[in-house]
Amino acid sequence: MDDLIGHRESMGVEAVRMREVKRLMDRRIADGHGDQGFSSLFELLPPQSAA
């Protein structure tokens, strides 16, 4: 992920969302869930209110 972010930024493309995803990935790994798939990131997202 660091390489992808670095490449985007070197090309002048914003990487804000990728940095946010990486932060979530790092948090899952730090919490001991590094063996779970990418889709497990949804557990860190706040609940959406019905509009």
PDB file of N, CA and C in Angstrom:
ATOM      1  N   MET A   1       0.830  -1.182   0.000  1.00  0.00           N
ATOM      2  CA  MET A   1       0.000   0.000   0.000  1.00  0.00           C
ATOM      3  C   MET A   1       0.879   1.252   0.000  1.00  0.00           C
ATOM      4  N   ASP A   2       1.961   1.205   0.749  1.00  0.00           N
ATOM      5  CA  ASP A   2       2.871   2.354   0.760  1.00  0.00           C
ATOM      6  C   ASP A   2       3.409   2.650  -0.636  1.00  0.00           C
ATOM      7  N   ASP A   3       3.730   1.580  -1.376  1.00  0.00           N
ATOM      8  CA  ASP A   3       4.233   1.774  -2.737  1.00  0.00           C
ATOM      9  C   ASP A   3       3.177   2.401  -3.641  1.00  0.00           C
ATOM     10  N   LEU A   4       1.936   1.938  -3.514  1.00  0.00           N
ATOM     11  CA  LEU A   4       0.856   2.497  -4.330  1.00  0.00           C
ATOM     12  C   LEU A   4       0.635   3.976  -4.002  1.00  0.00           C
ATOM     13  N   ILE A   5       0.644   4.296  -2.729  1.00  0.00           N
ATOM     14  CA  ILE A   5       0.462   5.688  -2.315  1.00  0.00           C
ATOM     15  C   ILE A   5       1.603   6.547  -2.844  1.00  0.00           C
ATOM     16  N   GLY A   6       2.823   6.064  -2.658  1.00  0.00           N
ATOM     17  CA  GLY A   6       3.984   6.801  -3.149  1.00  0.00           C
ATOM     18  C   GLY A   6       3.956   7.017  -4.647  1.00  0.00           C
ATOM     19  N   HIS A   7       3.540   5.992  -5.390  1.00  0.00           N
ATOM     20  CA  HIS A   7       3.466   6.103  -6.853  1.00  0.00           C
ATOM     21  C   HIS A   7       2.418   7.132  -7.269  1.00  0.00           C
ATOM     22  N   ARG A   8       1.252   7.079  -6.654  1.00  0.00           N
ATOM     23  CA  ARG A   8       0.192   8.050  -6.984  1.00  0.00           C
ATOM     24  C   ARG A   8       0.687   9.468  -6.741  1.00  0.00           C
ATOM     25  N   GLU A   9       1.286   9.667  -5.573  1.00  0.00           N
ATOM     26  CA  GLU A   9       1.742  11.019  -5.227  1.00  0.00           C
ATOM     27  C   GLU A   9       2.870  11.483  -6.142  1.00  0.00           C
ATOM     28  N   SER A  10       3.738  10.564  -6.557  1.00  0.00           N
ATOM     29  CA  SER A  10       4.828  10.951  -7.462  1.00  0.00           C
ATOM     30  C   SER A  10       4.294  11.361  -8.833  1.00  0.00           C
ATOM     31  N   MET A  11       3.083  10.872  -9.161  1.00  0.00           N
ATOM     32  CA  MET A  11       2.450  11.227 -10.427  1.00  0.00           C
ATOM     33  C   MET A  11       1.547  12.452 -10.287  1.00  0.00           C
ATOM     34  N   GLY A  12       1.472  13.005  -9.073  1.00  0.00           N
ATOM     35  CA  GLY A  12       0.641  14.179  -8.843  1.00  0.00           C
ATOM     36  C   GLY A  12      -0.827  13.861  -8.619  1.00  0.00           C
ATOM     37  N   VAL A  13      -1.125  12.603  -8.290  1.00  0.00           N
ATOM     38  CA  VAL A  13      -2.503  12.183  -8.057  1.00  0.00           C
ATOM     39  C   VAL A  13      -2.719  12.106  -6.550  1.00  0.00           C
ATOM     40  N   GLU A  14      -3.839  12.673  -6.078  1.00  0.00           N
ATOM     41  CA  GLU A  14      -4.099  12.658  -4.635  1.00  0.00           C
ATOM     42  C   GLU A  14      -4.251  11.218  -4.137  1.00  0.00           C
ATOM     43  N   ALA A  15      -3.874  11.004  -2.888  1.00  0.00           N
ATOM     44  CA  ALA A  15      -3.938   9.670  -2.300  1.00  0.00           C
ATOM     45  C   ALA A  15      -4.607   9.713  -0.924  1.00  0.00           C
ATOM     46  N   VAL A  16      -5.463  10.694  -0.712  1.00  0.00           N
ATOM     47  CA  VAL A  16      -6.104  10.864   0.587  1.00  0.00           C
ATOM     48  C   VAL A  16      -6.892   9.614   0.975  1.00  0.00           C
ATOM     49  N   ARG A  17      -7.727   9.123   0.089  1.00  0.00           N
ATOM     50  CA  ARG A  17      -8.549   7.947   0.398  1.00  0.00           C
ATOM     51  C   ARG A  17      -7.689   6.711   0.608  1.00  0.00           C
ATOM     52  N   MET A  18      -6.636   6.565  -0.185  1.00  0.00           N
ATOM     53  CA  MET A  18      -5.746   5.419  -0.011  1.00  0.00           C
ATOM     54  C   MET A  18      -5.051   5.491   1.347  1.00  0.00           C
ATOM     55  N   ARG A  19      -4.687   6.674   1.783  1.00  0.00           N
ATOM     56  CA  ARG A  19      -4.070   6.834   3.109  1.00  0.00           C
ATOM     57  C   ARG A  19      -5.071   6.454   4.205  1.00  0.00           C
ATOM     58  N   GLU A  20      -6.329   6.799   4.026  1.00  0.00           N
ATOM     59  CA  GLU A  20      -7.355   6.439   5.004  1.00  0.00           C
ATOM     60  C   GLU A  20      -7.522   4.918   5.080  1.00  0.00           C
ATOM     61  N   VAL A  21      -7.533   4.261   3.935  1.00  0.00           N
ATOM     62  CA  VAL A  21      -7.655   2.806   3.904  1.00  0.00           C
ATOM     63  C   VAL A  21      -6.432   2.171   4.559  1.00  0.00           C
ATOM     64  N   LYS A  22      -5.253   2.707   4.274  1.00  0.00           N
ATOM     65  CA  LYS A  22      -4.029   2.172   4.884  1.00  0.00           C
ATOM     66  C   LYS A  22      -4.072   2.328   6.395  1.00  0.00           C
ATOM     67  N   ARG A  23      -4.588   3.440   6.870  1.00  0.00           N
ATOM     68  CA  ARG A  23      -4.698   3.654   8.313  1.00  0.00           C
ATOM     69  C   ARG A  23      -5.601   2.584   8.931  1.00  0.00           C
ATOM     70  N   LEU A  24      -6.716   2.283   8.262  1.00  0.00           N
ATOM     71  CA  LEU A  24      -7.605   1.226   8.746  1.00  0.00           C
ATOM     72  C   LEU A  24      -6.918  -0.141   8.713  1.00  0.00           C
ATOM     73  N   MET A  25      -6.174  -0.419   7.646  1.00  0.00           N
ATOM     74  CA  MET A  25      -5.452  -1.678   7.536  1.00  0.00           C
ATOM     75  C   MET A  25      -4.432  -1.804   8.661  1.00  0.00           C
ATOM     76  N   ASP A  26      -3.676  -0.752   8.904  1.00  0.00           N
ATOM     77  CA  ASP A  26      -2.673  -0.766   9.967  1.00  0.00           C
ATOM     78  C   ASP A  26      -3.321  -1.003  11.325  1.00  0.00           C
ATOM     79  N   ARG A  27      -4.492  -0.406  11.526  1.00  0.00           N
ATOM     80  CA  ARG A  27      -5.200  -0.581  12.794  1.00  0.00           C
ATOM     81  C   ARG A  27      -5.655  -2.031  12.978  1.00  0.00           C
ATOM     82  N   ARG A  28      -6.182  -2.631  11.913  1.00  0.00           N
ATOM     83  CA  ARG A  28      -6.611  -4.033  11.993  1.00  0.00           C
ATOM     84  C   ARG A  28      -5.423  -4.938  12.314  1.00  0.00           C
ATOM     85  N   ILE A  29      -4.300  -4.675  11.690  1.00  0.00           N
ATOM     86  CA  ILE A  29      -3.099  -5.480  11.941  1.00  0.00           C
ATOM     87  C   ILE A  29      -2.647  -5.307  13.391  1.00  0.00           C
ATOM     88  N   ALA A  30      -2.603  -4.058  13.868  1.00  0.00           N
ATOM     89  CA  ALA A  30      -2.187  -3.781  15.243  1.00  0.00           C
ATOM     90  C   ALA A  30      -3.121  -4.427  16.263  1.00  0.00           C
ATOM     91  N   ASP A  31      -4.399  -4.563  15.909  1.00  0.00           N
ATOM     92  CA  ASP A  31      -5.381  -5.171  16.802  1.00  0.00           C
ATOM     93  C   ASP A  31      -5.355  -6.702  16.735  1.00  0.00           C
ATOM     94  N   GLY A  32      -4.430  -7.259  15.944  1.00  0.00           N
ATOM     95  CA  GLY A  32      -4.287  -8.715  15.856  1.00  0.00           C
ATOM     96  C   GLY A  32      -5.156  -9.384  14.823  1.00  0.00           C
ATOM     97  N   HIS A  33      -5.666  -8.622  13.865  1.00  0.00           N
ATOM     98  CA  HIS A  33      -6.551  -9.175  12.837  1.00  0.00           C
ATOM     99  C   HIS A  33      -5.911  -9.159  11.445  1.00  0.00           C
ATOM    100  N   GLY A  34      -4.605  -9.187  11.407  1.00  0.00           N
ATOM    101  CA  GLY A  34      -3.897  -9.133  10.131  1.00  0.00           C
ATOM    102  C   GLY A  34      -4.130 -10.333   9.237  1.00  0.00           C
ATOM    103  N   ASP A  35      -4.625 -11.423   9.826  1.00  0.00           N
ATOM    104  CA  ASP A  35      -4.872 -12.625   9.035  1.00  0.00           C
ATOM    105  C   ASP A  35      -6.242 -12.600   8.351  1.00  0.00           C
ATOM    106  N   GLN A  36      -7.037 -11.598   8.661  1.00  0.00           N
ATOM    107  CA  GLN A  36      -8.362 -11.493   8.059  1.00  0.00           C
ATOM    108  C   GLN A  36      -8.280 -10.737   6.736  1.00  0.00           C
ATOM    109  N   GLY A  37      -9.249 -10.908   5.919  1.00  0.00           N
ATOM    110  CA  GLY A  37      -9.258 -10.306   4.590  1.00  0.00           C
ATOM    111  C   GLY A  37      -9.536  -8.812   4.600  1.00  0.00           C
ATOM    112  N   PHE A  38      -9.347  -8.224   3.442  1.00  0.00           N
ATOM    113  CA  PHE A  38      -9.557  -6.787   3.241  1.00  0.00           C
ATOM    114  C   PHE A  38     -10.967  -6.366   3.630  1.00  0.00           C
ATOM    115  N   SER A  39     -11.935  -7.237   3.368  1.00  0.00           N
ATOM    116  CA  SER A  39     -13.325  -6.888   3.656  1.00  0.00           C
ATOM    117  C   SER A  39     -13.598  -6.744   5.152  1.00  0.00           C
ATOM    118  N   SER A  40     -12.689  -7.205   6.008  1.00  0.00           N
ATOM    119  CA  SER A  40     -12.889  -7.054   7.447  1.00  0.00           C
ATOM    120  C   SER A  40     -12.735  -5.603   7.891  1.00  0.00           C
ATOM    121  N   LEU A  41     -12.265  -4.742   7.005  1.00  0.00           N
ATOM    122  CA  LEU A  41     -12.120  -3.323   7.357  1.00  0.00           C
ATOM    123  C   LEU A  41     -13.465  -2.683   7.680  1.00  0.00           C
ATOM    124  N   PHE A  42     -14.555  -3.243   7.142  1.00  0.00           N
ATOM    125  CA  PHE A  42     -15.864  -2.658   7.387  1.00  0.00           C
ATOM    126  C   PHE A  42     -16.185  -2.622   8.879  1.00  0.00           C
ATOM    127  N   GLU A  43     -15.588  -3.506   9.662  1.00  0.00           N
ATOM    128  CA  GLU A  43     -15.850  -3.529  11.105  1.00  0.00           C
ATOM    129  C   GLU A  43     -15.370  -2.267  11.816  1.00  0.00           C
ATOM    130  N   LEU A  44     -14.475  -1.537  11.198  1.00  0.00           N
ATOM    131  CA  LEU A  44     -13.951  -0.302  11.803  1.00  0.00           C
ATOM    132  C   LEU A  44     -14.746   0.921  11.418  1.00  0.00           C
ATOM    133  N   LEU A  45     -15.637   0.782  10.461  1.00  0.00           N
ATOM    134  CA  LEU A  45     -16.394   1.929   9.985  1.00  0.00           C
ATOM    135  C   LEU A  45     -17.561   2.219  10.924  1.00  0.00           C
ATOM    136  N   PRO A  46     -17.860   3.507  11.148  1.00  0.00           N
ATOM    137  CA  PRO A  46     -18.990   3.839  12.017  1.00  0.00           C
ATOM    138  C   PRO A  46     -20.303   3.453  11.342  1.00  0.00           C
ATOM    139  N   PRO A  47     -21.302   3.141  12.144  1.00  0.00           N
ATOM    140  CA  PRO A  47     -22.608   2.786  11.549  1.00  0.00           C
ATOM    141  C   PRO A  47     -23.217   3.981  10.822  1.00  0.00           C
ATOM    142  N   GLN A  48     -23.918   3.700   9.752  1.00  0.00           N
ATOM    143  CA  GLN A  48     -24.598   4.734   8.964  1.00  0.00           C
ATOM    144  C   GLN A  48     -26.006   4.922   9.514  1.00  0.00           C
ATOM    145  N   SER A  49     -26.418   6.151   9.649  1.00  0.00           N
ATOM    146  CA  SER A  49     -27.793   6.382  10.076  1.00  0.00           C
ATOM    147  C   SER A  49     -28.705   6.334   8.854  1.00  0.00           C
ATOM    148  N   ALA A  50     -29.906   5.846   9.045  1.00  0.00           N
ATOM    149  CA  ALA A  50     -30.877   5.781   7.946  1.00  0.00           C
ATOM    150  C   ALA A  50     -31.370   7.180   7.615  1.00  0.00           C
ATOM    151  N   ALA A  51     -31.326   7.502   6.356  1.00  0.00           N
ATOM    152  CA  ALA A  51     -31.757   8.843   5.947  1.00  0.00           C
ATOM    153  C   ALA A  51     -33.066   8.785   5.203  1.00  0.00           C
TER     154      ALA A  51
END
